[in-house]
Amino acid sequence: MPASQSAKKSAVTATDQRYIVPGLERGLKLLQLFDRGRTVLGAAAVARALEVPRSSAFRLIQTLEYLGYLERTGNDYRLGPAVLRLGFEYVAALPITELARPILANLRDECGCTAQLALRDQREVVYVMHVLGPSHFSSNVSVGTRLPVHATALGRMFLAYMSDQAISALYAGSTLQRFSNRTTITVNGLIERAHADRARGVAISESHFEAGISAIAAAVLDGQAVPVAALSITLLQPALPATPQAEHLIDAVRNAAAELSHRLNYRAQPLVAPMAGDRAARSNANGRSALGDTLIHRA
């Protein structure tokens, strides 16, 4: 199963499991087999991955093809347009995206950079809004794109509001992938960065994920000072210069996040929330950011 699908299952009690529909569960797991690195699958591969007879895999595939969630390509299958439609309907239904839309547009206009909004899902951030800047820089990031938390400025802002213990638990037993020679690949390194990002109120990525690309991100907080999303801008340069213009960009991102936080009922607290009592347990090692939980299970 791909890494993005290795997230823990939702907790279901033994009593509740009698209400699970096995066929539906297998159909959804089949859709989860596809990812950016595995775009096409045949019936035999599906049967092996789901550990079901090939005849059962074929019936699942035929049903999903009939509904538009899969489409045939030769003797294999790929995701169909119904998946995309469902994904966009989900994003459009998120209350935070409507609140964020004008704020991201203003941020884009003020900075002259592409702006984006993301939620956290386990060890990944999921882009739910992408407002293109005026430059001709072409990005492969779009709504629905998943990127690693540890290697991105957006992801680091979620870590900034987690306790050291929660960060360690999130990455327990895992190997952090290196994307550039500046990617942080140790848990201790992530914790150190989280402390710095928390103190500064923004995370700055200077070629940490992709060489030649910088980003500035800030957390979006709810009424309980929990990070429910993060927003950022992307710049086509390897590092931020120590100039007033760069400081202006940092302030613009911080102010945009503060404005969206205010619309989510965040009031009169420092931008950096206290860690006492591990308030970040709501933004914990087991899953999504707090509003992400309510949005993805409301996301």
Protein backbone atom coordinates (compact mmCIF):
# COMPACT_ATOMS: atom_id res chain seq x y z
CA MET A 1 0.00 0.00 0.00
CA PRO A 2 1.41 3.47 -0.86
CA ALA A 3 2.85 5.60 1.94
CA SER A 4 0.02 8.09 1.75
CA GLN A 5 -2.41 5.29 2.47
CA SER A 6 -0.47 3.78 5.35
CA ALA A 7 -2.29 6.02 7.83
CA LYS A 8 -3.95 4.26 10.70
CA LYS A 9 -7.55 3.18 10.27
CA SER A 10 -10.21 5.08 12.15
CA ALA A 11 -10.84 3.56 15.53
CA VAL A 12 -13.80 1.19 15.32
CA THR A 13 -14.95 -0.80 18.31
CA ALA A 14 -15.60 -4.52 18.09
CA THR A 15 -19.30 -3.79 18.45
CA ASP A 16 -19.28 -1.30 15.58
CA GLN A 17 -17.47 -3.60 13.16
CA ARG A 18 -20.66 -5.53 12.47
CA TYR A 19 -21.88 -2.44 10.58
CA ILE A 20 -18.90 -2.40 8.21
CA VAL A 21 -19.83 -3.39 4.64
CA PRO A 22 -16.93 -5.58 3.38
CA GLY A 23 -17.62 -5.00 -0.30
CA LEU A 24 -17.68 -1.23 0.13
CA GLU A 25 -14.53 -1.37 2.24
CA ARG A 26 -12.72 -3.34 -0.46
CA GLY A 27 -13.91 -0.95 -3.17
CA LEU A 28 -12.58 2.07 -1.30
CA LYS A 29 -9.30 0.30 -0.56
CA LEU A 30 -9.03 -0.44 -4.26
CA LEU A 31 -9.25 3.27 -5.08
CA GLN A 32 -6.59 3.96 -2.45
CA LEU A 33 -4.16 1.70 -4.30
CA PHE A 34 -3.65 4.39 -6.93
CA ASP A 35 -1.22 7.20 -6.34
CA ARG A 36 1.20 9.41 -8.23
CA GLY A 37 3.69 6.59 -8.59
CA ARG A 38 1.13 3.92 -9.46
CA THR A 39 -1.38 5.39 -11.87
CA VAL A 40 -2.36 2.19 -13.71
CA LEU A 41 -3.26 -1.23 -12.29
CA GLY A 42 -4.54 -4.50 -13.69
CA ALA A 43 -6.98 -6.93 -12.12
CA ALA A 44 -4.19 -9.30 -11.07
CA ALA A 45 -2.30 -6.55 -9.25
CA VAL A 46 -5.49 -5.41 -7.53
CA ALA A 47 -6.26 -8.96 -6.42
CA ARG A 48 -2.78 -9.34 -4.93
CA ALA A 49 -2.89 -6.00 -3.15
CA LEU A 50 -6.34 -6.60 -1.67
CA GLU A 51 -5.67 -10.30 -1.04
CA VAL A 52 -8.89 -11.33 -2.78
CA PRO A 53 -9.58 -13.77 -5.63
CA ARG A 54 -9.07 -12.34 -9.08
CA SER A 55 -12.77 -12.84 -9.83
CA SER A 56 -13.67 -10.65 -6.83
CA ALA A 57 -11.19 -7.99 -7.92
CA PHE A 58 -12.68 -8.03 -11.41
CA ARG A 59 -16.21 -7.47 -10.05
CA LEU A 60 -15.00 -4.57 -7.91
CA ILE A 61 -13.26 -3.03 -10.91
CA GLN A 62 -16.32 -3.44 -13.12
CA THR A 63 -18.54 -1.77 -10.53
CA LEU A 64 -16.18 1.17 -10.11
CA GLU A 65 -15.78 1.51 -13.87
CA TYR A 66 -19.56 1.55 -14.29
CA LEU A 67 -19.80 4.39 -11.72
CA GLY A 68 -16.99 6.36 -13.35
CA TYR A 69 -14.43 5.94 -10.58
CA LEU A 70 -12.18 3.83 -12.83
CA GLU A 71 -11.60 3.87 -16.55
CA ARG A 72 -10.02 1.29 -18.80
CA THR A 73 -6.66 1.86 -20.45
CA GLY A 74 -5.80 -1.20 -22.53
CA ASN A 75 -5.99 -4.20 -20.22
CA ASP A 76 -5.46 -2.08 -17.12
CA TYR A 77 -7.35 0.63 -15.26
CA ARG A 78 -6.74 4.11 -13.93
CA LEU A 79 -8.75 6.51 -11.80
CA GLY A 80 -11.76 7.97 -13.56
CA PRO A 81 -13.23 11.49 -13.58
CA ALA A 82 -15.73 10.68 -10.81
CA VAL A 83 -12.84 10.60 -8.33
CA LEU A 84 -11.79 14.10 -9.35
CA ARG A 85 -15.36 15.34 -9.17
CA LEU A 86 -15.77 13.91 -5.69
CA GLY A 87 -12.49 15.46 -4.58
CA PHE A 88 -13.40 18.92 -5.83
CA GLU A 89 -16.84 18.70 -4.24
CA TYR A 90 -15.17 17.87 -0.94
CA VAL A 91 -12.81 20.83 -1.18
CA ALA A 92 -15.62 23.16 -2.23
CA ALA A 93 -17.63 22.08 0.81
CA LEU A 94 -14.91 22.99 3.32
CA PRO A 95 -15.96 26.14 5.19
CA ILE A 96 -12.35 27.22 5.60
CA THR A 97 -11.78 27.40 1.84
CA GLU A 98 -14.51 29.99 1.39
CA LEU A 99 -13.09 32.06 4.22
CA ALA A 100 -9.57 31.71 2.86
CA ARG A 101 -10.29 32.51 -0.79
CA PRO A 102 -10.22 36.34 -0.62
CA ILE A 103 -7.37 36.31 1.89
CA LEU A 104 -5.17 34.17 -0.34
CA ALA A 105 -6.05 36.31 -3.34
CA ASN A 106 -5.02 39.45 -1.46
CA LEU A 107 -1.83 37.75 -0.29
CA ARG A 108 -1.03 36.76 -3.87
CA ASP A 109 -1.63 40.33 -5.07
CA GLU A 110 0.42 41.90 -2.28
CA CYS A 111 3.41 39.57 -2.65
CA GLY A 112 3.24 38.79 -6.34
CA CYS A 113 3.61 35.09 -5.48
CA THR A 114 1.50 31.97 -5.68
CA ALA A 115 -0.37 31.39 -2.41
CA GLN A 116 -1.77 28.14 -1.05
CA LEU A 117 -3.71 26.66 1.84
CA ALA A 118 -3.19 23.15 3.22
CA LEU A 119 -4.48 20.78 5.88
CA ARG A 120 -2.48 18.06 7.59
CA ASP A 121 -3.25 14.38 7.12
CA GLN A 122 -0.86 12.25 9.15
CA ARG A 123 2.67 12.93 7.84
CA GLU A 124 1.49 14.81 4.76
CA VAL A 125 -0.02 18.17 3.98
CA VAL A 126 -2.89 18.22 1.51
CA TYR A 127 -3.35 21.31 -0.65
CA VAL A 128 -6.97 22.48 -0.58
CA MET A 129 -6.51 25.86 -2.27
CA HIS A 130 -3.98 27.17 -4.78
CA VAL A 131 -4.03 30.77 -6.02
CA LEU A 132 -1.60 31.25 -8.90
CA GLY A 133 0.72 34.22 -8.92
CA PRO A 134 1.46 36.48 -11.90
CA SER A 135 4.83 34.92 -12.79
CA HIS A 136 5.33 32.34 -15.50
CA PHE A 137 6.77 29.89 -13.00
CA SER A 138 5.04 26.55 -13.55
CA SER A 139 4.36 24.46 -10.47
CA ASN A 140 3.20 20.86 -10.33
CA VAL A 141 1.35 21.61 -7.09
CA SER A 142 -2.44 21.75 -7.37
CA VAL A 143 -5.50 21.13 -5.23
CA GLY A 144 -5.25 17.62 -3.83
CA THR A 145 -1.46 17.46 -4.01
CA ARG A 146 0.13 15.77 -1.00
CA LEU A 147 3.60 16.72 0.19
CA PRO A 148 5.61 15.55 3.21
CA VAL A 149 5.16 17.48 6.44
CA HIS A 150 8.82 17.24 7.44
CA ALA A 151 10.18 18.74 4.23
CA THR A 152 7.80 21.65 3.63
CA ALA A 153 7.23 25.02 5.25
CA LEU A 154 3.48 24.32 5.40
CA GLY A 155 4.07 21.05 7.21
CA ARG A 156 6.55 22.52 9.64
CA MET A 157 3.95 24.98 10.88
CA PHE A 158 1.84 22.06 12.08
CA LEU A 159 4.87 20.59 13.82
CA ALA A 160 5.52 23.96 15.46
CA TYR A 161 2.34 23.55 17.50
CA MET A 162 3.05 19.98 18.55
CA SER A 163 4.98 18.91 21.62
CA ASP A 164 8.37 17.28 21.24
CA GLN A 165 6.80 13.99 22.31
CA ALA A 166 4.05 14.25 19.68
CA ILE A 167 6.59 14.91 16.92
CA SER A 168 8.64 11.92 18.04
CA ALA A 169 5.53 9.73 18.08
CA LEU A 170 4.46 10.93 14.62
CA TYR A 171 7.74 9.74 13.11
CA ALA A 172 8.40 6.74 15.33
CA GLY A 173 9.98 3.92 13.35
CA SER A 174 10.02 5.89 10.09
CA THR A 175 12.81 7.13 7.84
CA LEU A 176 12.59 10.76 6.79
CA GLN A 177 13.13 11.09 3.06
CA ARG A 178 15.72 13.57 1.79
CA PHE A 179 14.41 15.76 -1.05
CA SER A 180 17.35 18.16 -1.26
CA ASN A 181 20.63 18.62 0.52
CA ARG A 182 18.85 20.96 2.94
CA THR A 183 15.99 18.63 3.95
CA THR A 184 15.84 17.86 7.66
CA ILE A 185 15.99 14.07 8.00
CA THR A 186 16.21 13.50 11.76
CA VAL A 187 13.48 13.79 14.37
CA ASN A 188 15.75 15.83 16.63
CA GLY A 189 16.37 18.18 13.73
CA LEU A 190 12.62 18.53 13.17
CA ILE A 191 12.09 19.32 16.85
CA GLU A 192 14.76 22.01 16.74
CA ARG A 193 13.16 23.54 13.67
CA ALA A 194 9.73 23.36 15.31
CA HIS A 195 11.03 25.38 18.27
CA ALA A 196 12.50 28.01 15.93
CA ASP A 197 9.37 28.18 13.77
CA ARG A 198 7.18 28.44 16.86
CA ALA A 199 9.24 31.33 18.21
CA ARG A 200 9.24 33.16 14.87
CA GLY A 201 5.59 32.52 14.02
CA VAL A 202 6.47 31.49 10.45
CA ALA A 203 8.36 28.66 8.77
CA ILE A 204 10.77 29.53 5.99
CA SER A 205 11.88 26.87 3.55
CA GLU A 206 14.93 27.75 1.47
CA SER A 207 15.42 24.88 -0.99
CA HIS A 208 14.55 22.40 1.76
CA PHE A 209 12.06 20.53 -0.42
CA GLU A 210 13.02 21.54 -3.93
CA ALA A 211 16.30 23.18 -4.91
CA GLY A 212 15.81 26.76 -6.10
CA ILE A 213 12.38 27.15 -4.48
CA SER A 214 11.64 29.02 -1.25
CA ALA A 215 8.43 29.25 0.74
CA ILE A 216 7.08 31.16 3.71
CA ALA A 217 4.26 29.60 5.76
CA ALA A 218 2.21 30.48 8.82
CA ALA A 219 -0.34 28.56 10.85
CA VAL A 220 -4.08 29.20 10.82
CA LEU A 221 -5.49 28.82 14.33
CA ASP A 222 -9.00 28.19 15.61
CA GLY A 223 -10.67 29.58 18.72
CA GLN A 224 -8.66 27.28 20.95
CA ALA A 225 -5.32 28.24 19.37
CA VAL A 226 -5.06 24.91 17.57
CA PRO A 227 -3.53 24.91 14.05
CA VAL A 228 -6.29 23.83 11.71
CA ALA A 229 -4.55 24.75 8.47
CA ALA A 230 -1.48 26.53 7.17
CA LEU A 231 -1.03 29.00 4.34
CA SER A 232 2.07 29.92 2.40
CA ILE A 233 3.58 31.70 -0.56
CA THR A 234 6.11 30.20 -2.96
CA LEU A 235 9.06 32.06 -4.45
CA LEU A 236 11.27 31.13 -7.38
CA GLN A 237 14.56 31.70 -5.58
CA PRO A 238 16.86 29.42 -3.58
CA ALA A 239 16.88 31.57 -0.43
CA LEU A 240 15.35 34.72 1.02
CA PRO A 241 17.69 37.70 0.97
CA ALA A 242 18.13 39.72 4.15
CA THR A 243 16.23 42.71 2.77
CA PRO A 244 13.24 44.82 3.80
CA GLN A 245 11.31 43.29 0.91
CA ALA A 246 11.81 39.80 2.34
CA GLU A 247 10.66 41.02 5.75
CA HIS A 248 7.59 42.48 4.07
CA LEU A 249 6.79 39.08 2.55
CA ILE A 250 7.15 37.40 5.95
CA ASP A 251 4.88 39.98 7.57
CA ALA A 252 2.32 39.60 4.78
CA VAL A 253 2.12 35.82 5.29
CA ARG A 254 1.92 36.20 9.05
CA ASN A 255 -0.84 38.83 8.74
CA ALA A 256 -2.84 36.75 6.26
CA ALA A 257 -2.75 33.77 8.63
CA ALA A 258 -3.76 36.02 11.51
CA GLU A 259 -6.71 37.38 9.51
CA LEU A 260 -7.95 33.91 8.61
CA SER A 261 -7.43 32.78 12.21
CA HIS A 262 -9.54 35.72 13.37
CA ARG A 263 -12.33 34.62 11.04
CA LEU A 264 -12.14 31.19 12.68
CA ASN A 265 -12.71 32.83 16.08
CA TYR A 266 -9.10 32.97 17.23
CA ARG A 267 -8.90 35.90 19.64
CA ALA A 268 -6.35 37.90 21.59
CA GLN A 269 -3.74 35.21 22.12
CA PRO A 270 -0.11 35.27 20.97
CA LEU A 271 0.28 33.81 17.50
CA VAL A 272 2.45 31.10 19.05
CA ALA A 273 0.21 29.00 21.28
CA PRO A 274 1.57 27.72 24.63
CA MET A 275 2.48 24.07 24.74
CA ALA A 276 1.53 23.52 28.40
CA GLY A 277 -0.74 20.53 28.81
CA ASP A 278 0.13 19.57 25.25
CA ARG A 279 -2.80 21.40 23.73
CA ALA A 280 -1.34 20.04 20.53
CA ALA A 281 -2.81 16.67 21.43
CA ARG A 282 -5.73 17.79 19.29
CA SER A 283 -3.19 18.21 16.49
CA ASN A 284 -1.60 14.92 17.38
CA ALA A 285 0.64 12.22 16.11
CA ASN A 286 -2.28 9.99 15.20
CA GLY A 287 -3.78 12.05 12.46
CA ARG A 288 -5.01 15.32 11.15
CA SER A 289 -5.08 18.81 12.50
CA ALA A 290 -8.07 19.45 14.72
CA LEU A 291 -10.27 21.19 12.14
CA GLY A 292 -8.89 18.75 9.62
CA ASP A 293 -10.47 15.98 11.68
CA THR A 294 -13.80 17.73 11.75
CA LEU A 295 -13.60 18.70 8.10
CA ILE A 296 -12.40 15.38 6.75
CA HIS A 297 -14.84 13.70 9.10
CA ARG A 298 -16.89 16.83 8.55
CA ALA A 299 -11.41 16.10 6.56
